[in-house]
Amino acid sequence: MKKATRRLALWRADLDGGVCAAPEECVEVLRDRGPISLVLEHQAYGMTPATRTFETALRQDIEWQFGDIVWPDEVRPGVFATVSWQAGRPDEVVVRTTAMEEPIRVDGVDYFHEYDPRVVTREFEAGTSNRGQVLYAVRKHGRVFDDGSAVLAEAGLAARTGLGRGSRGTFLLRNALDQLIREGYLTRVTGSLDASGYPAYPAVGGQKTADMLFYAPMVEPAPYPGEEEAGREYWVSGFVRKLPRGAQPSERQVALHEQVTETELEPGYTFVKKHRRNT
């Protein structure tokens, strides 16, 4: 029996538009067929299994996709969806998300389902602050790695932020950048650029070295809904955070990690101890 399966990360445009890309193998059969039942199998907030069925049809935009889907609110940009179709049931498509064992928080946004860190980095909503514009430039226009970290040549930052020109623009940019570095959102590192200006980090031999801005997502455990009360403090468990290549954790962080987990801290990571957070 012919079967087609595709696993893809959902972008914000997919969620807002209520669409999902289709496996190429089913296009020839379904392109002129309709209506099609799309069955969404999903665990709400990673806990409660639920199934919803939508009447849809195959349509072509940039690629072939199914429409008229109402994605659950807790499905964030970057969440993986697995789309399955069988020739024996040609009028039905099944879309599944996969709940994680425990929810996590990525830069303040809670994720309950498996996701692609690269898409999460790219789909950052900057807001209107100067800090947001600088962080957006690095995450949107920099080179993104598989773990969601990103680098951007600092020399190209001003052109990407839209903070204005002249002495005022320079001041606003420097102030926002210094604040992000001070708070640990960005780190200055040395990388390199190829002939086309594409960044590499660590620096590649034979390429021109350049000052880079390095971003690594803040990933920490998150509570399930109802486990934290608004306006009250709650404990965040200790967690590890990636460091820029070449950076080392302090002896204190290494000792804390070993004391808490009874395991050695992996190279390239630091340990953030258990702390209180206000909701």
C-alpha atoms as a PDB file:
ATOM      1  CA  MET A   1       0.000   0.000   0.000  1.00  0.00           C
ATOM      2  CA  LYS A   2       1.405   3.361  -0.999  1.00  0.00           C
ATOM      3  CA  LYS A   3       2.012   5.685   1.935  1.00  0.00           C
ATOM      4  CA  ALA A   4       3.430   9.198   2.088  1.00  0.00           C
ATOM      5  CA  THR A   5       4.807  10.871   5.207  1.00  0.00           C
ATOM      6  CA  ARG A   6       6.402  14.266   5.685  1.00  0.00           C
ATOM      7  CA  ARG A   7       7.720  15.862   8.877  1.00  0.00           C
ATOM      8  CA  LEU A   8       7.998  19.622   8.777  1.00  0.00           C
ATOM      9  CA  ALA A   9       8.378  22.608  11.061  1.00  0.00           C
ATOM     10  CA  LEU A  10       5.483  25.041  11.115  1.00  0.00           C
ATOM     11  CA  TRP A  11       6.218  28.698  10.432  1.00  0.00           C
ATOM     12  CA  ARG A  12       4.183  31.617  11.731  1.00  0.00           C
ATOM     13  CA  ALA A  13       2.646  32.058   8.272  1.00  0.00           C
ATOM     14  CA  ASP A  14       1.413  28.434   8.411  1.00  0.00           C
ATOM     15  CA  LEU A  15      -0.226  28.976  11.796  1.00  0.00           C
ATOM     16  CA  ASP A  16      -1.755  32.339  10.905  1.00  0.00           C
ATOM     17  CA  GLY A  17      -2.911  31.095   7.503  1.00  0.00           C
ATOM     18  CA  GLY A  18      -4.259  27.780   8.793  1.00  0.00           C
ATOM     19  CA  VAL A  19      -2.230  25.734   6.318  1.00  0.00           C
ATOM     20  CA  CYS A  20       0.126  22.759   6.270  1.00  0.00           C
ATOM     21  CA  ALA A  21       2.422  21.579   3.470  1.00  0.00           C
ATOM     22  CA  ALA A  22       1.540  18.273   1.784  1.00  0.00           C
ATOM     23  CA  PRO A  23       3.796  15.288   1.026  1.00  0.00           C
ATOM     24  CA  GLU A  24       4.762  15.385  -2.649  1.00  0.00           C
ATOM     25  CA  GLU A  25       3.762  11.746  -3.138  1.00  0.00           C
ATOM     26  CA  CYS A  26       0.062  12.467  -2.559  1.00  0.00           C
ATOM     27  CA  VAL A  27      -0.244  15.534  -4.787  1.00  0.00           C
ATOM     28  CA  GLU A  28      -0.996  13.690  -8.025  1.00  0.00           C
ATOM     29  CA  VAL A  29      -3.890  11.810  -6.406  1.00  0.00           C
ATOM     30  CA  LEU A  30      -5.362  14.632  -4.313  1.00  0.00           C
ATOM     31  CA  ARG A  31      -4.888  17.742  -6.461  1.00  0.00           C
ATOM     32  CA  ASP A  32      -8.256  17.344  -8.196  1.00  0.00           C
ATOM     33  CA  ARG A  33     -10.039  15.597  -5.352  1.00  0.00           C
ATOM     34  CA  GLY A  34     -12.152  17.170  -2.664  1.00  0.00           C
ATOM     35  CA  PRO A  35     -13.242  17.558  -0.019  1.00  0.00           C
ATOM     36  CA  ILE A  36     -10.517  15.857   2.031  1.00  0.00           C
ATOM     37  CA  SER A  37     -10.726  15.113   5.756  1.00  0.00           C
ATOM     38  CA  LEU A  38      -7.690  16.338   7.667  1.00  0.00           C
ATOM     39  CA  VAL A  39      -7.435  14.716  11.096  1.00  0.00           C
ATOM     40  CA  LEU A  40      -5.298  16.618  13.611  1.00  0.00           C
ATOM     41  CA  GLU A  41      -3.992  14.430  16.441  1.00  0.00           C
ATOM     42  CA  HIS A  42      -2.577  16.626  19.169  1.00  0.00           C
ATOM     43  CA  GLN A  43      -1.983  16.640  22.929  1.00  0.00           C
ATOM     44  CA  ALA A  44      -3.191  19.965  24.295  1.00  0.00           C
ATOM     45  CA  TYR A  45      -0.315  21.600  26.179  1.00  0.00           C
ATOM     46  CA  GLY A  46       1.484  18.271  25.914  1.00  0.00           C
ATOM     47  CA  MET A  47      -1.010  16.589  28.243  1.00  0.00           C
ATOM     48  CA  THR A  48      -4.539  15.877  27.008  1.00  0.00           C
ATOM     49  CA  PRO A  49      -4.896  13.870  23.753  1.00  0.00           C
ATOM     50  CA  ALA A  50      -7.409  15.391  21.366  1.00  0.00           C
ATOM     51  CA  THR A  51      -8.509  14.818  17.788  1.00  0.00           C
ATOM     52  CA  ARG A  52     -10.067  17.408  15.495  1.00  0.00           C
ATOM     53  CA  THR A  53     -11.188  16.953  11.901  1.00  0.00           C
ATOM     54  CA  PHE A  54     -11.189  19.697   9.278  1.00  0.00           C
ATOM     55  CA  GLU A  55     -12.642  19.636   5.779  1.00  0.00           C
ATOM     56  CA  THR A  56      -9.922  20.759   3.409  1.00  0.00           C
ATOM     57  CA  ALA A  57      -8.615  20.541  -0.138  1.00  0.00           C
ATOM     58  CA  LEU A  58      -5.196  20.555  -1.731  1.00  0.00           C
ATOM     59  CA  ARG A  59      -4.162  23.947  -3.076  1.00  0.00           C
ATOM     60  CA  GLN A  60      -0.982  25.366  -4.538  1.00  0.00           C
ATOM     61  CA  ASP A  61       0.810  28.415  -3.205  1.00  0.00           C
ATOM     62  CA  ILE A  62       4.613  28.301  -3.142  1.00  0.00           C
ATOM     63  CA  GLU A  63       4.110  24.567  -2.673  1.00  0.00           C
ATOM     64  CA  TRP A  64       1.115  22.258  -2.400  1.00  0.00           C
ATOM     65  CA  GLN A  65      -0.641  22.558   0.934  1.00  0.00           C
ATOM     66  CA  PHE A  66      -3.808  21.803   2.877  1.00  0.00           C
ATOM     67  CA  GLY A  67      -5.841  24.732   4.188  1.00  0.00           C
ATOM     68  CA  ASP A  68      -8.716  25.589   6.536  1.00  0.00           C
ATOM     69  CA  ILE A  69      -6.880  24.272   9.616  1.00  0.00           C
ATOM     70  CA  VAL A  70      -7.398  25.857  13.021  1.00  0.00           C
ATOM     71  CA  TRP A  71      -4.141  25.289  14.867  1.00  0.00           C
ATOM     72  CA  PRO A  72      -4.328  25.093  18.688  1.00  0.00           C
ATOM     73  CA  ASP A  73      -3.127  28.210  20.493  1.00  0.00           C
ATOM     74  CA  GLU A  74      -0.187  26.441  22.151  1.00  0.00           C
ATOM     75  CA  VAL A  75       1.292  25.312  18.825  1.00  0.00           C
ATOM     76  CA  ARG A  76       4.155  27.780  18.407  1.00  0.00           C
ATOM     77  CA  PRO A  77       6.222  28.632  15.340  1.00  0.00           C
ATOM     78  CA  GLY A  78       8.819  25.901  14.908  1.00  0.00           C
ATOM     79  CA  VAL A  79       6.691  23.017  16.220  1.00  0.00           C
ATOM     80  CA  PHE A  80       7.055  19.858  14.123  1.00  0.00           C
ATOM     81  CA  ALA A  81       4.010  18.377  12.383  1.00  0.00           C
ATOM     82  CA  THR A  82       4.031  14.940  10.748  1.00  0.00           C
ATOM     83  CA  VAL A  83       1.683  14.664   7.756  1.00  0.00           C
ATOM     84  CA  SER A  84       0.635  11.143   6.699  1.00  0.00           C
ATOM     85  CA  TRP A  85      -1.470   9.882   3.789  1.00  0.00           C
ATOM     86  CA  GLN A  86      -2.293   6.354   2.616  1.00  0.00           C
ATOM     87  CA  ALA A  87      -3.506   5.365  -0.832  1.00  0.00           C
ATOM     88  CA  GLY A  88      -5.981   2.977   0.793  1.00  0.00           C
ATOM     89  CA  ARG A  89      -7.696   5.957   2.440  1.00  0.00           C
ATOM     90  CA  PRO A  90      -7.244   8.612  -0.243  1.00  0.00           C
ATOM     91  CA  ASP A  91      -9.740  11.093   1.190  1.00  0.00           C
ATOM     92  CA  GLU A  92      -8.060  11.371   4.599  1.00  0.00           C
ATOM     93  CA  VAL A  93      -4.857  13.012   5.786  1.00  0.00           C
ATOM     94  CA  VAL A  94      -3.544  12.711   9.345  1.00  0.00           C
ATOM     95  CA  VAL A  95      -1.421  15.447  10.932  1.00  0.00           C
ATOM     96  CA  ARG A  96       0.289  14.771  14.265  1.00  0.00           C
ATOM     97  CA  THR A  97       2.313  16.822  16.708  1.00  0.00           C
ATOM     98  CA  THR A  98       4.581  15.120  19.251  1.00  0.00           C
ATOM     99  CA  ALA A  99       4.508  16.157  22.893  1.00  0.00           C
ATOM    100  CA  MET A 100       7.819  16.472  24.728  1.00  0.00           C
ATOM    101  CA  GLU A 101       8.386  14.616  27.976  1.00  0.00           C
ATOM    102  CA  GLU A 102       8.556  17.945  29.809  1.00  0.00           C
ATOM    103  CA  PRO A 103       7.716  21.458  28.566  1.00  0.00           C
ATOM    104  CA  ILE A 104      10.530  23.941  28.094  1.00  0.00           C
ATOM    105  CA  ARG A 105      10.761  27.706  27.829  1.00  0.00           C
ATOM    106  CA  VAL A 106      12.771  29.245  24.987  1.00  0.00           C
ATOM    107  CA  ASP A 107      13.525  32.920  25.582  1.00  0.00           C
ATOM    108  CA  GLY A 108      10.335  33.271  27.586  1.00  0.00           C
ATOM    109  CA  VAL A 109       8.049  31.300  25.233  1.00  0.00           C
ATOM    110  CA  ASP A 110       6.722  27.946  26.450  1.00  0.00           C
ATOM    111  CA  TYR A 111       6.955  24.909  24.158  1.00  0.00           C
ATOM    112  CA  PHE A 112       5.060  21.694  24.835  1.00  0.00           C
ATOM    113  CA  HIS A 113       5.795  19.854  21.570  1.00  0.00           C
ATOM    114  CA  GLU A 114       8.915  18.876  19.642  1.00  0.00           C
ATOM    115  CA  TYR A 115      10.235  21.795  17.595  1.00  0.00           C
ATOM    116  CA  ASP A 116      12.969  22.954  15.217  1.00  0.00           C
ATOM    117  CA  PRO A 117      15.305  25.385  17.056  1.00  0.00           C
ATOM    118  CA  ARG A 118      16.307  27.041  13.765  1.00  0.00           C
ATOM    119  CA  VAL A 119      12.739  28.074  12.985  1.00  0.00           C
ATOM    120  CA  VAL A 120      12.190  29.315  16.541  1.00  0.00           C
ATOM    121  CA  THR A 121      15.223  31.573  16.179  1.00  0.00           C
ATOM    122  CA  ARG A 122      14.117  32.939  12.813  1.00  0.00           C
ATOM    123  CA  GLU A 123      10.510  33.541  13.879  1.00  0.00           C
ATOM    124  CA  PHE A 124      11.421  35.833  16.767  1.00  0.00           C
ATOM    125  CA  GLU A 125       8.941  38.673  17.355  1.00  0.00           C
ATOM    126  CA  ALA A 126      11.066  41.708  18.073  1.00  0.00           C
ATOM    127  CA  GLY A 127       8.626  44.252  19.423  1.00  0.00           C
ATOM    128  CA  THR A 128       9.371  47.952  19.080  1.00  0.00           C
ATOM    129  CA  SER A 129      12.246  48.416  21.537  1.00  0.00           C
ATOM    130  CA  ASN A 130      15.777  49.133  20.338  1.00  0.00           C
ATOM    131  CA  ARG A 131      16.973  45.985  22.107  1.00  0.00           C
ATOM    132  CA  GLY A 132      14.359  43.984  20.248  1.00  0.00           C
ATOM    133  CA  GLN A 133      15.451  45.392  16.895  1.00  0.00           C
ATOM    134  CA  VAL A 134      19.088  44.484  17.534  1.00  0.00           C
ATOM    135  CA  LEU A 135      18.249  40.959  18.684  1.00  0.00           C
ATOM    136  CA  TYR A 136      15.894  40.552  15.722  1.00  0.00           C
ATOM    137  CA  ALA A 137      18.681  41.521  13.306  1.00  0.00           C
ATOM    138  CA  VAL A 138      20.997  38.824  14.664  1.00  0.00           C
ATOM    139  CA  ARG A 139      18.300  36.127  14.733  1.00  0.00           C
ATOM    140  CA  LYS A 140      16.679  37.013  11.410  1.00  0.00           C
ATOM    141  CA  HIS A 141      19.680  37.949   9.269  1.00  0.00           C
ATOM    142  CA  GLY A 142      22.525  36.033  10.898  1.00  0.00           C
ATOM    143  CA  ARG A 143      23.667  32.502  10.175  1.00  0.00           C
ATOM    144  CA  VAL A 144      21.568  30.070  12.218  1.00  0.00           C
ATOM    145  CA  PHE A 145      22.980  26.742  13.403  1.00  0.00           C
ATOM    146  CA  ASP A 146      21.102  23.505  14.069  1.00  0.00           C
ATOM    147  CA  ASP A 147      20.774  24.198  17.796  1.00  0.00           C
ATOM    148  CA  GLY A 148      19.189  27.615  17.188  1.00  0.00           C
ATOM    149  CA  SER A 149      22.286  29.687  17.940  1.00  0.00           C
ATOM    150  CA  ALA A 150      23.179  32.395  15.424  1.00  0.00           C
ATOM    151  CA  VAL A 151      26.016  34.737  14.442  1.00  0.00           C
ATOM    152  CA  LEU A 152      26.036  38.023  12.557  1.00  0.00           C
ATOM    153  CA  ALA A 153      28.992  40.194  11.588  1.00  0.00           C
ATOM    154  CA  GLU A 154      28.854  43.234  13.854  1.00  0.00           C
ATOM    155  CA  ALA A 155      29.875  45.526  10.990  1.00  0.00           C
ATOM    156  CA  GLY A 156      26.566  44.828   9.247  1.00  0.00           C
ATOM    157  CA  LEU A 157      24.380  45.369  12.300  1.00  0.00           C
ATOM    158  CA  ALA A 158      23.568  49.053  11.776  1.00  0.00           C
ATOM    159  CA  ALA A 159      22.135  48.438   8.313  1.00  0.00           C
ATOM    160  CA  ARG A 160      19.884  45.685   9.672  1.00  0.00           C
ATOM    161  CA  THR A 161      18.358  47.439  12.677  1.00  0.00           C
ATOM    162  CA  GLY A 162      16.735  50.567  11.258  1.00  0.00           C
ATOM    163  CA  LEU A 163      17.741  52.635  14.275  1.00  0.00           C
ATOM    164  CA  GLY A 164      18.664  55.612  12.123  1.00  0.00           C
ATOM    165  CA  ARG A 165      21.886  57.180  10.967  1.00  0.00           C
ATOM    166  CA  GLY A 166      24.278  59.734  12.362  1.00  0.00           C
ATOM    167  CA  SER A 167      25.345  60.240  15.940  1.00  0.00           C
ATOM    168  CA  ARG A 168      21.887  59.564  17.389  1.00  0.00           C
ATOM    169  CA  GLY A 169      21.507  56.263  15.530  1.00  0.00           C
ATOM    170  CA  THR A 170      25.007  55.227  16.571  1.00  0.00           C
ATOM    171  CA  PHE A 171      24.225  56.035  20.201  1.00  0.00           C
ATOM    172  CA  LEU A 172      20.935  54.101  20.192  1.00  0.00           C
ATOM    173  CA  LEU A 173      22.565  51.083  18.559  1.00  0.00           C
ATOM    174  CA  ARG A 174      25.536  51.031  20.920  1.00  0.00           C
ATOM    175  CA  ASN A 175      23.313  51.447  23.966  1.00  0.00           C
ATOM    176  CA  ALA A 176      20.966  48.611  22.930  1.00  0.00           C
ATOM    177  CA  LEU A 177      23.859  46.312  22.021  1.00  0.00           C
ATOM    178  CA  ASP A 178      25.723  46.970  25.268  1.00  0.00           C
ATOM    179  CA  GLN A 179      22.575  46.165  27.229  1.00  0.00           C
ATOM    180  CA  LEU A 180      22.026  42.864  25.385  1.00  0.00           C
ATOM    181  CA  ILE A 181      25.647  41.862  25.969  1.00  0.00           C
ATOM    182  CA  ARG A 182      25.482  42.857  29.626  1.00  0.00           C
ATOM    183  CA  GLU A 183      22.307  40.793  30.110  1.00  0.00           C
ATOM    184  CA  GLY A 184      23.822  37.767  28.369  1.00  0.00           C
ATOM    185  CA  TYR A 185      21.580  37.675  25.294  1.00  0.00           C
ATOM    186  CA  LEU A 186      24.499  38.358  22.931  1.00  0.00           C
ATOM    187  CA  THR A 187      28.237  37.721  23.114  1.00  0.00           C
ATOM    188  CA  ARG A 188      31.069  39.187  21.045  1.00  0.00           C
ATOM    189  CA  VAL A 189      33.157  36.485  19.355  1.00  0.00           C
ATOM    190  CA  THR A 190      35.672  36.273  16.504  1.00  0.00           C
ATOM    191  CA  GLY A 191      34.525  34.543  13.327  1.00  0.00           C
ATOM    192  CA  SER A 192      35.249  34.882   9.630  1.00  0.00           C
ATOM    193  CA  LEU A 193      33.574  35.831   6.348  1.00  0.00           C
ATOM    194  CA  ASP A 194      33.884  34.090   2.996  1.00  0.00           C
ATOM    195  CA  ALA A 195      34.196  35.978  -0.299  1.00  0.00           C
ATOM    196  CA  SER A 196      30.424  36.518  -0.453  1.00  0.00           C
ATOM    197  CA  GLY A 197      30.232  37.831   3.113  1.00  0.00           C
ATOM    198  CA  TYR A 198      28.707  34.643   4.569  1.00  0.00           C
ATOM    199  CA  PRO A 199      29.718  34.289   8.233  1.00  0.00           C
ATOM    200  CA  ALA A 200      31.468  31.324   9.816  1.00  0.00           C
ATOM    201  CA  TYR A 201      32.019  30.615  13.479  1.00  0.00           C
ATOM    202  CA  PRO A 202      34.517  29.494  14.661  1.00  0.00           C
ATOM    203  CA  ALA A 203      36.698  31.281  12.120  1.00  0.00           C
ATOM    204  CA  VAL A 204      37.668  29.269   9.043  1.00  0.00           C
ATOM    205  CA  GLY A 205      41.301  29.273   7.970  1.00  0.00           C
ATOM    206  CA  GLY A 206      41.979  31.349   4.870  1.00  0.00           C
ATOM    207  CA  GLN A 207      38.923  33.554   5.380  1.00  0.00           C
ATOM    208  CA  LYS A 208      38.919  37.152   6.577  1.00  0.00           C
ATOM    209  CA  THR A 209      38.378  37.347  10.337  1.00  0.00           C
ATOM    210  CA  ALA A 210      35.551  39.525  11.623  1.00  0.00           C
ATOM    211  CA  ASP A 211      33.959  40.554  14.904  1.00  0.00           C
ATOM    212  CA  MET A 212      30.704  38.642  15.336  1.00  0.00           C
ATOM    213  CA  LEU A 213      27.688  38.824  17.593  1.00  0.00           C
ATOM    214  CA  PHE A 214      26.729  35.396  18.923  1.00  0.00           C
ATOM    215  CA  TYR A 215      23.216  34.522  20.090  1.00  0.00           C
ATOM    216  CA  ALA A 216      22.284  31.338  21.975  1.00  0.00           C
ATOM    217  CA  PRO A 217      18.671  30.652  22.990  1.00  0.00           C
ATOM    218  CA  MET A 218      17.869  30.653  26.683  1.00  0.00           C
ATOM    219  CA  VAL A 219      16.335  27.209  27.228  1.00  0.00           C
ATOM    220  CA  GLU A 220      14.972  26.287  30.646  1.00  0.00           C
ATOM    221  CA  PRO A 221      12.293  24.035  32.145  1.00  0.00           C
ATOM    222  CA  ALA A 222       8.739  25.379  31.981  1.00  0.00           C
ATOM    223  CA  PRO A 223       5.706  24.563  34.126  1.00  0.00           C
ATOM    224  CA  TYR A 224       2.538  23.015  32.790  1.00  0.00           C
ATOM    225  CA  PRO A 225      -0.522  25.308  32.802  1.00  0.00           C
ATOM    226  CA  GLY A 226      -1.803  25.740  36.332  1.00  0.00           C
ATOM    227  CA  GLU A 227       1.512  24.928  37.998  1.00  0.00           C
ATOM    228  CA  GLU A 228       2.364  28.593  38.483  1.00  0.00           C
ATOM    229  CA  GLU A 229       0.126  31.277  39.897  1.00  0.00           C
ATOM    230  CA  ALA A 230       0.128  34.665  38.206  1.00  0.00           C
ATOM    231  CA  GLY A 231       1.834  37.352  40.229  1.00  0.00           C
ATOM    232  CA  ARG A 232       3.625  34.909  42.510  1.00  0.00           C
ATOM    233  CA  GLU A 233       7.149  33.615  42.610  1.00  0.00           C
ATOM    234  CA  TYR A 234       7.917  30.026  41.663  1.00  0.00           C
ATOM    235  CA  TRP A 235      11.076  27.980  41.503  1.00  0.00           C
ATOM    236  CA  VAL A 236      12.849  27.340  38.205  1.00  0.00           C
ATOM    237  CA  SER A 237      14.978  24.200  38.316  1.00  0.00           C
ATOM    238  CA  GLY A 238      18.659  24.429  37.466  1.00  0.00           C
ATOM    239  CA  PHE A 239      19.484  23.969  33.786  1.00  0.00           C
ATOM    240  CA  VAL A 240      22.414  24.075  31.363  1.00  0.00           C
ATOM    241  CA  ARG A 241      22.916  26.818  28.786  1.00  0.00           C
ATOM    242  CA  LYS A 242      25.132  26.795  25.715  1.00  0.00           C
ATOM    243  CA  LEU A 243      28.174  29.071  25.634  1.00  0.00           C
ATOM    244  CA  PRO A 244      29.880  30.575  22.576  1.00  0.00           C
ATOM    245  CA  ARG A 245      32.563  28.330  21.130  1.00  0.00           C
ATOM    246  CA  GLY A 246      35.783  28.758  23.062  1.00  0.00           C
ATOM    247  CA  ALA A 247      34.071  30.135  26.187  1.00  0.00           C
ATOM    248  CA  GLN A 248      34.358  28.231  29.447  1.00  0.00           C
ATOM    249  CA  PRO A 249      32.071  28.020  32.496  1.00  0.00           C
ATOM    250  CA  SER A 250      33.404  29.225  35.820  1.00  0.00           C
ATOM    251  CA  GLU A 251      34.708  26.703  38.326  1.00  0.00           C
ATOM    252  CA  ARG A 252      31.743  27.576  40.520  1.00  0.00           C
ATOM    253  CA  GLN A 253      29.220  26.664  37.801  1.00  0.00           C
ATOM    254  CA  VAL A 254      31.021  23.379  37.100  1.00  0.00           C
ATOM    255  CA  ALA A 255      30.978  22.511  40.793  1.00  0.00           C
ATOM    256  CA  LEU A 256      27.300  23.459  41.161  1.00  0.00           C
ATOM    257  CA  HIS A 257      26.324  21.279  38.196  1.00  0.00           C
ATOM    258  CA  GLU A 258      28.219  18.293  39.581  1.00  0.00           C
ATOM    259  CA  GLN A 259      26.707  18.831  43.025  1.00  0.00           C
ATOM    260  CA  VAL A 260      23.126  19.019  41.696  1.00  0.00           C
ATOM    261  CA  THR A 261      23.224  16.368  38.949  1.00  0.00           C
ATOM    262  CA  GLU A 262      26.147  14.165  40.052  1.00  0.00           C
ATOM    263  CA  THR A 263      27.375  14.263  36.445  1.00  0.00           C
ATOM    264  CA  GLU A 264      30.084  16.220  34.653  1.00  0.00           C
ATOM    265  CA  LEU A 265      29.150  19.381  32.753  1.00  0.00           C
ATOM    266  CA  GLU A 266      29.526  18.943  28.990  1.00  0.00           C
ATOM    267  CA  PRO A 267      32.133  21.150  27.281  1.00  0.00           C
ATOM    268  CA  GLY A 268      30.677  24.354  25.848  1.00  0.00           C
ATOM    269  CA  TYR A 269      27.907  24.701  28.442  1.00  0.00           C
ATOM    270  CA  THR A 270      27.408  26.499  31.736  1.00  0.00           C
ATOM    271  CA  PHE A 271      25.011  25.788  34.579  1.00  0.00           C
ATOM    272  CA  VAL A 272      22.277  28.151  35.770  1.00  0.00           C
ATOM    273  CA  LYS A 273      21.368  27.268  39.331  1.00  0.00           C
ATOM    274  CA  LYS A 274      17.845  26.882  40.690  1.00  0.00           C
ATOM    275  CA  HIS A 275      16.243  30.277  41.186  1.00  0.00           C
ATOM    276  CA  ARG A 276      12.955  32.037  41.823  1.00  0.00           C
ATOM    277  CA  ARG A 277      10.988  33.688  39.038  1.00  0.00           C
ATOM    278  CA  ASN A 278       8.045  36.062  39.349  1.00  0.00           C
ATOM    279  CA  THR A 279       5.083  35.443  37.017  1.00  0.00           C
END
